[in-house]
PDB file of N, CA and C in Angstrom:
ATOM      1  N   MET A   1      86.349  94.621  76.641  1.00  0.00           N
ATOM      2  CA  MET A   1      86.806  95.079  77.946  1.00  0.00           C
ATOM      3  C   MET A   1      87.809  96.655  77.158  1.00  0.00           C
ATOM      4  N   VAL A   2      88.440  95.939  76.409  1.00  0.00           N
ATOM      5  CA  VAL A   2      88.933  97.153  75.705  1.00  0.00           C
ATOM      6  C   VAL A   2      87.912  98.374  74.690  1.00  0.00           C
ATOM      7  N   LEU A   3      86.821  98.118  74.280  1.00  0.00           N
ATOM      8  CA  LEU A   3      85.716  98.882  73.516  1.00  0.00           C
ATOM      9  C   LEU A   3      85.350  99.391  74.647  1.00  0.00           C
ATOM     10  N   HIS A   4      84.965  99.084  75.757  1.00  0.00           N
ATOM     11  CA  HIS A   4      84.339  99.841  77.033  1.00  0.00           C
ATOM     12  C   HIS A   4      85.317 101.081  77.270  1.00  0.00           C
ATOM     13  N   ALA A   5      86.560 100.768  77.397  1.00  0.00           N
ATOM     14  CA  ALA A   5      87.608 101.637  77.417  1.00  0.00           C
ATOM     15  C   ALA A   5      87.599 102.867  76.369  1.00  0.00           C
ATOM     16  N   LYS A   6      87.326 102.750  75.411  1.00  0.00           N
ATOM     17  CA  LYS A   6      87.652 103.579  74.452  1.00  0.00           C
ATOM     18  C   LYS A   6      86.366 104.212  74.567  1.00  0.00           C
ATOM     19  N   MET A   7      85.220 103.743  74.401  1.00  0.00           N
ATOM     20  CA  MET A   7      84.199 104.487  74.733  1.00  0.00           C
ATOM     21  C   MET A   7      84.140 105.505  75.836  1.00  0.00           C
ATOM     22  N   CYS A   8      84.556 104.960  77.035  1.00  0.00           N
ATOM     23  CA  CYS A   8      85.026 106.422  78.127  1.00  0.00           C
ATOM     24  C   CYS A   8      85.505 107.329  77.553  1.00  0.00           C
ATOM     25  N   ASN A   9      86.521 106.932  76.960  1.00  0.00           N
ATOM     26  CA  ASN A   9      87.447 108.307  76.541  1.00  0.00           C
ATOM     27  C   ASN A   9      86.617 108.985  75.500  1.00  0.00           C
ATOM     28  N   MET A  10      85.770 108.763  74.680  1.00  0.00           N
ATOM     29  CA  MET A  10      85.184 109.391  73.358  1.00  0.00           C
ATOM     30  C   MET A  10      84.852 110.851  73.910  1.00  0.00           C
ATOM     31  N   LYS A  11      85.315 111.762  72.870  1.00  0.00           N
ATOM     32  CA  LYS A  11      84.325 113.119  73.204  1.00  0.00           C
ATOM     33  C   LYS A  11      83.683 113.447  72.545  1.00  0.00           C
ATOM     34  N   SER A  12      82.481 114.343  72.870  1.00  0.00           N
ATOM     35  CA  SER A  12      81.585 115.036  71.894  1.00  0.00           C
ATOM     36  C   SER A  12      81.341 116.190  72.127  1.00  0.00           C
ATOM     37  N   ASN A  13      81.241 117.048  71.191  1.00  0.00           N
ATOM     38  CA  ASN A  13      81.058 118.158  71.337  1.00  0.00           C
ATOM     39  C   ASN A  13      79.336 119.036  71.421  1.00  0.00           C
ATOM     40  N   ILE A  14      79.764 120.209  72.160  1.00  0.00           N
ATOM     41  CA  ILE A  14      78.211 120.469  72.528  1.00  0.00           C
ATOM     42  C   ILE A  14      78.401 122.142  72.251  1.00  0.00           C
ATOM     43  N   THR A  15      77.034 122.599  71.947  1.00  0.00           N
ATOM     44  CA  THR A  15      76.873 124.069  71.590  1.00  0.00           C
ATOM     45  C   THR A  15      76.240 124.720  72.881  1.00  0.00           C
ATOM     46  N   LEU A  16      76.988 125.646  73.094  1.00  0.00           N
ATOM     47  CA  LEU A  16      76.212 126.363  73.988  1.00  0.00           C
ATOM     48  C   LEU A  16      76.259 128.159  73.533  1.00  0.00           C
ATOM     49  N   LYS A  17      75.120 128.410  74.025  1.00  0.00           N
ATOM     50  CA  LYS A  17      74.620 129.995  73.487  1.00  0.00           C
ATOM     51  C   LYS A  17      74.869 130.631  75.147  1.00  0.00           C
ATOM     52  N   LEU A  18      75.993 131.586  74.591  1.00  0.00           N
ATOM     53  CA  LEU A  18      76.490 133.003  76.059  1.00  0.00           C
ATOM     54  C   LEU A  18      76.340 134.352  75.554  1.00  0.00           C
ATOM     55  N   GLU A  19      76.433 134.533  76.614  1.00  0.00           N
ATOM     56  CA  GLU A  19      76.385 136.409  76.117  1.00  0.00           C
ATOM     57  C   GLU A  19      77.904 136.676  76.190  1.00  0.00           C
ATOM     58  N   ALA A  20      77.843 137.632  75.138  1.00  0.00           N
ATOM     59  CA  ALA A  20      79.357 137.902  74.514  1.00  0.00           C
ATOM     60  C   ALA A  20      80.002 138.252  75.617  1.00  0.00           C
ATOM     61  N   GLU A  21      79.480 139.126  76.535  1.00  0.00           N
ATOM     62  CA  GLU A  21      80.279 139.871  77.600  1.00  0.00           C
ATOM     63  C   GLU A  21      80.840 138.583  78.547  1.00  0.00           C
ATOM     64  N   LEU A  22      80.054 137.663  78.804  1.00  0.00           N
ATOM     65  CA  LEU A  22      80.641 136.199  79.425  1.00  0.00           C
ATOM     66  C   LEU A  22      81.451 135.710  78.690  1.00  0.00           C
ATOM     67  N   ILE A  23      81.364 135.396  77.454  1.00  0.00           N
ATOM     68  CA  ILE A  23      82.760 135.033  76.598  1.00  0.00           C
ATOM     69  C   ILE A  23      83.797 135.519  76.537  1.00  0.00           C
ATOM     70  N   ARG A  24      83.693 136.836  76.640  1.00  0.00           N
ATOM     71  CA  ARG A  24      84.999 137.728  76.700  1.00  0.00           C
ATOM     72  C   ARG A  24      85.935 137.732  78.173  1.00  0.00           C
ATOM     73  N   GLU A  25      84.883 137.210  79.220  1.00  0.00           N
ATOM     74  CA  GLU A  25      85.564 137.108  80.693  1.00  0.00           C
ATOM     75  C   GLU A  25      85.836 135.643  80.710  1.00  0.00           C
ATOM     76  N   ALA A  26      85.283 134.761  80.077  1.00  0.00           N
ATOM     77  CA  ALA A  26      85.830 133.417  79.849  1.00  0.00           C
ATOM     78  C   ALA A  26      86.891 133.452  79.386  1.00  0.00           C
ATOM     79  N   ARG A  27      87.275 134.019  78.235  1.00  0.00           N
ATOM     80  CA  ARG A  27      88.135 134.029  77.651  1.00  0.00           C
ATOM     81  C   ARG A  27      89.788 134.350  78.564  1.00  0.00           C
ATOM     82  N   ILE A  28      89.477 135.822  78.796  1.00  0.00           N
ATOM     83  CA  ILE A  28      90.513 136.115  79.617  1.00  0.00           C
ATOM     84  C   ILE A  28      90.856 135.226  80.836  1.00  0.00           C
ATOM     85  N   LEU A  29      89.568 134.646  81.476  1.00  0.00           N
ATOM     86  CA  LEU A  29      90.060 133.520  82.644  1.00  0.00           C
ATOM     87  C   LEU A  29      90.661 132.519  82.104  1.00  0.00           C
ATOM     88  N   ALA A  30      90.396 132.078  81.122  1.00  0.00           N
ATOM     89  CA  ALA A  30      91.346 130.339  80.827  1.00  0.00           C
ATOM     90  C   ALA A  30      92.494 131.246  80.185  1.00  0.00           C
ATOM     91  N   ALA A  31      92.488 132.181  79.354  1.00  0.00           N
ATOM     92  CA  ALA A  31      94.241 132.699  79.211  1.00  0.00           C
ATOM     93  C   ALA A  31      95.301 132.911  80.244  1.00  0.00           C
ATOM     94  N   GLU A  32      94.489 133.246  81.599  1.00  0.00           N
ATOM     95  CA  GLU A  32      95.158 133.562  82.554  1.00  0.00           C
ATOM     96  C   GLU A  32      95.563 132.475  82.988  1.00  0.00           C
ATOM     97  N   GLN A  33      94.802 131.373  83.033  1.00  0.00           N
ATOM     98  CA  GLN A  33      94.679 130.098  83.648  1.00  0.00           C
ATOM     99  C   GLN A  33      95.865 129.140  82.220  1.00  0.00           C
ATOM    100  N   GLY A  34      96.254 129.510  81.595  1.00  0.00           N
ATOM    101  CA  GLY A  34      96.971 128.887  80.365  1.00  0.00           C
ATOM    102  C   GLY A  34      96.258 127.831  79.946  1.00  0.00           C
ATOM    103  N   THR A  35      94.991 128.416  79.660  1.00  0.00           N
ATOM    104  CA  THR A  35      94.166 126.798  79.143  1.00  0.00           C
ATOM    105  C   THR A  35      92.906 127.499  78.027  1.00  0.00           C
ATOM    106  N   SER A  36      92.115 126.752  77.730  1.00  0.00           N
ATOM    107  CA  SER A  36      90.963 126.827  76.545  1.00  0.00           C
ATOM    108  C   SER A  36      89.557 127.242  77.911  1.00  0.00           C
ATOM    109  N   ILE A  37      88.572 127.735  76.665  1.00  0.00           N
ATOM    110  CA  ILE A  37      87.298 128.086  77.413  1.00  0.00           C
ATOM    111  C   ILE A  37      86.929 126.351  77.575  1.00  0.00           C
ATOM    112  N   SER A  38      86.954 125.621  76.642  1.00  0.00           N
ATOM    113  CA  SER A  38      86.516 124.280  76.572  1.00  0.00           C
ATOM    114  C   SER A  38      87.250 123.418  77.912  1.00  0.00           C
ATOM    115  N   ALA A  39      88.528 123.392  77.938  1.00  0.00           N
ATOM    116  CA  ALA A  39      89.209 122.797  78.793  1.00  0.00           C
ATOM    117  C   ALA A  39      88.558 123.450  79.987  1.00  0.00           C
ATOM    118  N   LEU A  40      88.591 124.670  80.384  1.00  0.00           N
ATOM    119  CA  LEU A  40      87.978 125.409  81.961  1.00  0.00           C
ATOM    120  C   LEU A  40      86.963 124.774  82.265  1.00  0.00           C
ATOM    121  N   LEU A  41      85.810 124.854  80.912  1.00  0.00           N
ATOM    122  CA  LEU A  41      84.443 124.196  81.371  1.00  0.00           C
ATOM    123  C   LEU A  41      84.576 122.812  81.736  1.00  0.00           C
ATOM    124  N   ALA A  42      85.303 121.913  81.027  1.00  0.00           N
ATOM    125  CA  ALA A  42      85.144 120.770  81.066  1.00  0.00           C
ATOM    126  C   ALA A  42      85.727 120.396  82.391  1.00  0.00           C
ATOM    127  N   ALA A  43      86.859 121.178  82.846  1.00  0.00           N
ATOM    128  CA  ALA A  43      87.190 120.719  84.370  1.00  0.00           C
ATOM    129  C   ALA A  43      86.301 121.238  85.578  1.00  0.00           C
ATOM    130  N   ARG A  44      85.311 122.262  85.323  1.00  0.00           N
ATOM    131  CA  ARG A  44      84.410 122.667  86.006  1.00  0.00           C
ATOM    132  C   ARG A  44      83.486 121.455  86.033  1.00  0.00           C
ATOM    133  N   LEU A  45      82.581 121.210  85.142  1.00  0.00           N
ATOM    134  CA  LEU A  45      81.733 120.433  84.679  1.00  0.00           C
ATOM    135  C   LEU A  45      82.042 118.750  85.656  1.00  0.00           C
ATOM    136  N   GLN A  46      83.478 118.469  85.210  1.00  0.00           N
ATOM    137  CA  GLN A  46      83.812 117.069  86.087  1.00  0.00           C
ATOM    138  C   GLN A  46      83.824 117.385  87.447  1.00  0.00           C
ATOM    139  N   GLU A  47      84.077 118.466  88.001  1.00  0.00           N
ATOM    140  CA  GLU A  47      84.260 119.219  89.336  1.00  0.00           C
ATOM    141  C   GLU A  47      82.460 118.867  90.067  1.00  0.00           C
ATOM    142  N   ILE A  48      81.922 119.796  89.260  1.00  0.00           N
ATOM    143  CA  ILE A  48      80.780 119.275  89.753  1.00  0.00           C
ATOM    144  C   ILE A  48      79.891 118.117  89.626  1.00  0.00           C
ATOM    145  N   VAL A  49      79.927 117.129  88.628  1.00  0.00           N
ATOM    146  CA  VAL A  49      79.639 115.766  88.799  1.00  0.00           C
ATOM    147  C   VAL A  49      80.216 114.951  89.644  1.00  0.00           C
ATOM    148  N   ARG A  50      81.778 115.112  90.013  1.00  0.00           N
ATOM    149  CA  ARG A  50      82.366 114.406  91.551  1.00  0.00           C
ATOM    150  C   ARG A  50      81.703 115.020  92.587  1.00  0.00           C
ATOM    151  N   GLU A  51      81.455 116.260  92.715  1.00  0.00           N
ATOM    152  CA  GLU A  51      80.954 116.575  94.041  1.00  0.00           C
ATOM    153  C   GLU A  51      79.631 115.970  94.292  1.00  0.00           C
ATOM    154  N   ARG A  52      78.676 116.068  93.389  1.00  0.00           N
ATOM    155  CA  ARG A  52      77.024 115.425  92.916  1.00  0.00           C
ATOM    156  C   ARG A  52      77.268 114.000  93.709  1.00  0.00           C
ATOM    157  N   LYS A  53      78.308 113.253  92.920  1.00  0.00           N
ATOM    158  CA  LYS A  53      78.569 111.294  93.172  1.00  0.00           C
ATOM    159  C   LYS A  53      78.641 111.604  94.704  1.00  0.00           C
ATOM    160  N   THR A  54      79.789 112.339  95.247  1.00  0.00           N
ATOM    161  CA  THR A  54      80.103 112.367  96.670  1.00  0.00           C
ATOM    162  C   THR A  54      79.316 112.727  97.658  1.00  0.00           C
ATOM    163  N   TYR A  55      78.519 113.705  97.163  1.00  0.00           N
ATOM    164  CA  TYR A  55      77.235 114.014  98.398  1.00  0.00           C
ATOM    165  C   TYR A  55      76.328 112.889  98.144  1.00  0.00           C
ATOM    166  N   ASP A  56      75.928 112.605  96.863  1.00  0.00           N
ATOM    167  CA  ASP A  56      75.082 111.133  97.181  1.00  0.00           C
ATOM    168  C   ASP A  56      75.335 110.114  97.625  1.00  0.00           C
ATOM    169  N   ARG A  57      76.340 109.571  97.695  1.00  0.00           N
ATOM    170  CA  ARG A  57      77.074 108.603  98.524  1.00  0.00           C
ATOM    171  C   ARG A  57      76.810 108.730  99.795  1.00  0.00           C
ATOM    172  N   ALA A  58      77.612 109.855 100.212  1.00  0.00           N
ATOM    173  CA  ALA A  58      77.431 110.587 101.770  1.00  0.00           C
ATOM    174  C   ALA A  58      75.912 110.595 102.263  1.00  0.00           C
ATOM    175  N   ARG A  59      74.961 110.909 101.254  1.00  0.00           N
ATOM    176  CA  ARG A  59      73.667 110.876 101.668  1.00  0.00           C
ATOM    177  C   ARG A  59      72.882 109.469 101.989  1.00  0.00           C
ATOM    178  N   ARG A  60      73.334 108.612 101.344  1.00  0.00           N
ATOM    179  CA  ARG A  60      72.641 107.273 101.209  1.00  0.00           C
ATOM    180  C   ARG A  60      73.175 106.650 102.247  1.00  0.00           C
ATOM    181  N   ARG A  61      74.920 106.656 102.833  1.00  0.00           N
ATOM    182  CA  ARG A  61      74.983 106.021 103.994  1.00  0.00           C
ATOM    183  C   ARG A  61      74.817 107.064 105.418  1.00  0.00           C
ATOM    184  N   ALA A  62      74.558 108.053 105.321  1.00  0.00           N
ATOM    185  CA  ALA A  62      73.695 108.610 106.117  1.00  0.00           C
ATOM    186  C   ALA A  62      72.443 108.301 106.549  1.00  0.00           C
ATOM    187  N   LEU A  63      71.934 107.964 105.883  1.00  0.00           N
ATOM    188  CA  LEU A  63      70.150 108.103 105.582  1.00  0.00           C
ATOM    189  C   LEU A  63      70.489 106.127 105.794  1.00  0.00           C
ATOM    190  N   ALA A  64      71.069 105.206 105.871  1.00  0.00           N
ATOM    191  CA  ALA A  64      70.941 103.850 106.043  1.00  0.00           C
ATOM    192  C   ALA A  64      71.696 103.776 107.654  1.00  0.00           C
ATOM    193  N   ARG A  65      72.354 104.488 108.071  1.00  0.00           N
ATOM    194  CA  ARG A  65      72.728 104.831 109.426  1.00  0.00           C
ATOM    195  C   ARG A  65      71.674 105.225 110.267  1.00  0.00           C
ATOM    196  N   LEU A  66      70.663 106.331 109.861  1.00  0.00           N
ATOM    197  CA  LEU A  66      69.611 106.747 110.656  1.00  0.00           C
ATOM    198  C   LEU A  66      68.354 105.359 110.593  1.00  0.00           C
ATOM    199  N   ARG A  67      68.406 104.580 109.657  1.00  0.00           N
ATOM    200  CA  ARG A  67      67.600 103.267 109.363  1.00  0.00           C
ATOM    201  C   ARG A  67      67.823 102.206 110.237  1.00  0.00           C
ATOM    202  N   GLU A  68      69.008 101.984 110.369  1.00  0.00           N
ATOM    203  CA  GLU A  68      69.850 101.009 111.332  1.00  0.00           C
ATOM    204  C   GLU A  68      69.763 101.516 112.865  1.00  0.00           C
ATOM    205  N   GLY A  69      69.799 102.916 113.025  1.00  0.00           N
ATOM    206  CA  GLY A  69      69.768 103.100 114.859  1.00  0.00           C
ATOM    207  C   GLY A  69      71.206 103.028 115.041  1.00  0.00           C
ATOM    208  N   ARG A  70      71.236 103.537 116.108  1.00  0.00           N
ATOM    209  CA  ARG A  70      72.786 103.513 117.168  1.00  0.00           C
ATOM    210  C   ARG A  70      71.956 103.337 118.452  1.00  0.00           C
ATOM    211  N   ASP A  71      72.718 101.958 118.850  1.00  0.00           N
ATOM    212  CA  ASP A  71      72.506 101.423 120.378  1.00  0.00           C
ATOM    213  C   ASP A  71      73.095 102.411 121.458  1.00  0.00           C
ATOM    214  N   LEU A  72      72.587 103.108 122.189  1.00  0.00           N
ATOM    215  CA  LEU A  72      72.924 104.276 123.117  1.00  0.00           C
ATOM    216  C   LEU A  72      73.177 103.753 124.549  1.00  0.00           C
ATOM    217  N   HIS A  73      72.445 102.353 124.510  1.00  0.00           N
ATOM    218  CA  HIS A  73      72.624 101.708 125.719  1.00  0.00           C
ATOM    219  C   HIS A  73      72.014 102.356 126.628  1.00  0.00           C
ATOM    220  N   TRP A  74      71.007 103.144 126.557  1.00  0.00           N
ATOM    221  CA  TRP A  74      70.118 103.609 127.636  1.00  0.00           C
ATOM    222  C   TRP A  74      69.034 102.865 128.317  1.00  0.00           C
ATOM    223  N   THR A  75      68.764 102.905 129.198  1.00  0.00           N
ATOM    224  CA  THR A  75      67.602 102.148 129.810  1.00  0.00           C
ATOM    225  C   THR A  75      67.055 103.367 130.675  1.00  0.00           C
ATOM    226  N   PRO A  76      65.362 102.908 130.385  1.00  0.00           N
ATOM    227  CA  PRO A  76      64.541 104.151 131.009  1.00  0.00           C
ATOM    228  C   PRO A  76      64.467 104.038 132.685  1.00  0.00           C
ATOM    229  N   PRO A  77      64.613 105.225 133.114  1.00  0.00           N
ATOM    230  CA  PRO A  77      64.365 104.732 134.479  1.00  0.00           C
ATOM    231  C   PRO A  77      63.223 104.178 135.160  1.00  0.00           C
ATOM    232  N   ARG A  78      63.360 103.492 136.557  1.00  0.00           N
ATOM    233  CA  ARG A  78      62.420 102.612 136.882  1.00  0.00           C
ATOM    234  C   ARG A  78      61.056 103.247 137.133  1.00  0.00           C
ATOM    235  N   SER A  79      61.766 104.437 137.810  1.00  0.00           N
ATOM    236  CA  SER A  79      60.293 105.348 138.240  1.00  0.00           C
ATOM    237  C   SER A  79      61.027 106.514 138.290  1.00  0.00           C
ATOM    238  N   ARG A  80      59.951 107.821 138.756  1.00  0.00           N
ATOM    239  CA  ARG A  80      59.951 108.811 138.586  1.00  0.00           C
ATOM    240  C   ARG A  80      61.027 109.746 139.838  1.00  0.00           C
ATOM    241  N   ASP A  81      60.980 108.942 140.689  1.00  0.00           N
ATOM    242  CA  ASP A  81      61.725 109.403 141.554  1.00  0.00           C
ATOM    243  C   ASP A  81      63.450 109.303 141.071  1.00  0.00           C
ATOM    244  N   GLU A  82      63.736 108.084 140.646  1.00  0.00           N
ATOM    245  CA  GLU A  82      64.959 107.867 140.393  1.00  0.00           C
ATOM    246  C   GLU A  82      65.105 108.739 138.779  1.00  0.00           C
ATOM    247  N   LEU A  83      64.289 109.356 138.099  1.00  0.00           N
ATOM    248  CA  LEU A  83      64.535 110.192 137.158  1.00  0.00           C
ATOM    249  C   LEU A  83      64.764 111.563 137.558  1.00  0.00           C
ATOM    250  N   HIS A  84      64.442 111.824 138.688  1.00  0.00           N
ATOM    251  CA  HIS A  84      64.657 113.325 139.105  1.00  0.00           C
ATOM    252  C   HIS A  84      65.993 113.148 140.348  1.00  0.00           C
ATOM    253  N   GLU A  85      66.482 112.002 140.590  1.00  0.00           N
ATOM    254  CA  GLU A  85      67.700 111.999 141.378  1.00  0.00           C
ATOM    255  C   GLU A  85      68.798 113.286 140.875  1.00  0.00           C
ATOM    256  N   ARG A  86      69.375 113.429 141.749  1.00  0.00           N
ATOM    257  CA  ARG A  86      70.719 114.463 141.434  1.00  0.00           C
ATOM    258  C   ARG A  86      71.878 114.028 142.047  1.00  0.00           C
TER     259      ARG A  86
END
């Protein structure tokens, strides 16, 4: 169990190729927030993944509800006249 916890906290480096202007803007943004570009990107990626997981769970629940259906306790009218009663 301890080994698994350590593996979850392991970090890996990635390389990105970005335009110089975007990197400059990102540095400014990160500096304004008192963080690094790496931390800024990591936080945003975590947010994207979390949103996706939340969406997927909600979608699965909604589809399950649709498959199950909902009992509306509706009974069809016995006759055409009953249908058009006011």
